[in-house]
Amino acid sequence: FSVGKHTFKFKSEIIPTLEFNFELGAENLNQKFDPK
């Protein structure tokens, strides 16, 4: 990932398509992110 705006879309059979918009910063980059 790089600093900037990112958009993620998740599709689920139970929950309608969720769209997450967030901006990554220094604090976000320091946090661990596991896509699994």
C-alpha atoms as a PDB file:
ATOM      1  CA  PHE A   1       0.000   0.000   0.000  1.00  0.00           C
ATOM      2  CA  SER A   2       1.015   3.601  -0.482  1.00  0.00           C
ATOM      3  CA  VAL A   3      -0.105   6.775   1.230  1.00  0.00           C
ATOM      4  CA  GLY A   4      -3.268   8.029  -0.398  1.00  0.00           C
ATOM      5  CA  LYS A   5      -6.921   7.238  -0.885  1.00  0.00           C
ATOM      6  CA  HIS A   6      -7.906   3.623  -1.436  1.00  0.00           C
ATOM      7  CA  THR A   7     -11.239   1.994  -2.134  1.00  0.00           C
ATOM      8  CA  PHE A   8     -12.137  -1.560  -1.208  1.00  0.00           C
ATOM      9  CA  LYS A   9     -15.315  -3.347  -2.246  1.00  0.00           C
ATOM     10  CA  PHE A  10     -16.434  -6.552  -0.575  1.00  0.00           C
ATOM     11  CA  LYS A  11     -19.251  -8.784  -1.818  1.00  0.00           C
ATOM     12  CA  SER A  12     -21.072 -11.144   0.530  1.00  0.00           C
ATOM     13  CA  GLU A  13     -24.059 -13.463   0.200  1.00  0.00           C
ATOM     14  CA  ILE A  14     -25.521 -12.126   3.439  1.00  0.00           C
ATOM     15  CA  ILE A  15     -24.398  -8.516   3.486  1.00  0.00           C
ATOM     16  CA  PRO A  16     -24.850  -6.296   0.406  1.00  0.00           C
ATOM     17  CA  THR A  17     -21.756  -4.930  -1.312  1.00  0.00           C
ATOM     18  CA  LEU A  18     -19.797  -2.898   1.198  1.00  0.00           C
ATOM     19  CA  GLU A  19     -17.604  -0.084   0.038  1.00  0.00           C
ATOM     20  CA  PHE A  20     -14.878   1.247   2.298  1.00  0.00           C
ATOM     21  CA  ASN A  21     -13.170   4.516   1.507  1.00  0.00           C
ATOM     22  CA  PHE A  22     -10.270   5.540   3.670  1.00  0.00           C
ATOM     23  CA  GLU A  23      -7.073   7.475   3.452  1.00  0.00           C
ATOM     24  CA  LEU A  24      -3.828   5.858   4.542  1.00  0.00           C
ATOM     25  CA  GLY A  25      -1.477   7.936   6.634  1.00  0.00           C
ATOM     26  CA  ALA A  26       1.622   7.405   8.771  1.00  0.00           C
ATOM     27  CA  GLU A  27      -0.495   6.030  11.619  1.00  0.00           C
ATOM     28  CA  ASN A  28      -2.340   3.604   9.331  1.00  0.00           C
ATOM     29  CA  LEU A  29       0.854   2.350   7.716  1.00  0.00           C
ATOM     30  CA  ASN A  30       2.252   1.464  11.152  1.00  0.00           C
ATOM     31  CA  GLN A  31      -0.705  -0.810  11.863  1.00  0.00           C
ATOM     32  CA  LYS A  32      -0.673  -4.453  10.785  1.00  0.00           C
ATOM     33  CA  PHE A  33      -3.064  -5.389   7.995  1.00  0.00           C
ATOM     34  CA  ASP A  34      -3.812  -9.027   7.188  1.00  0.00           C
ATOM     35  CA  PRO A  35      -5.965  -9.451   4.046  1.00  0.00           C
ATOM     36  CA  LYS A  36      -6.509 -13.103   4.967  1.00  0.00           C
END
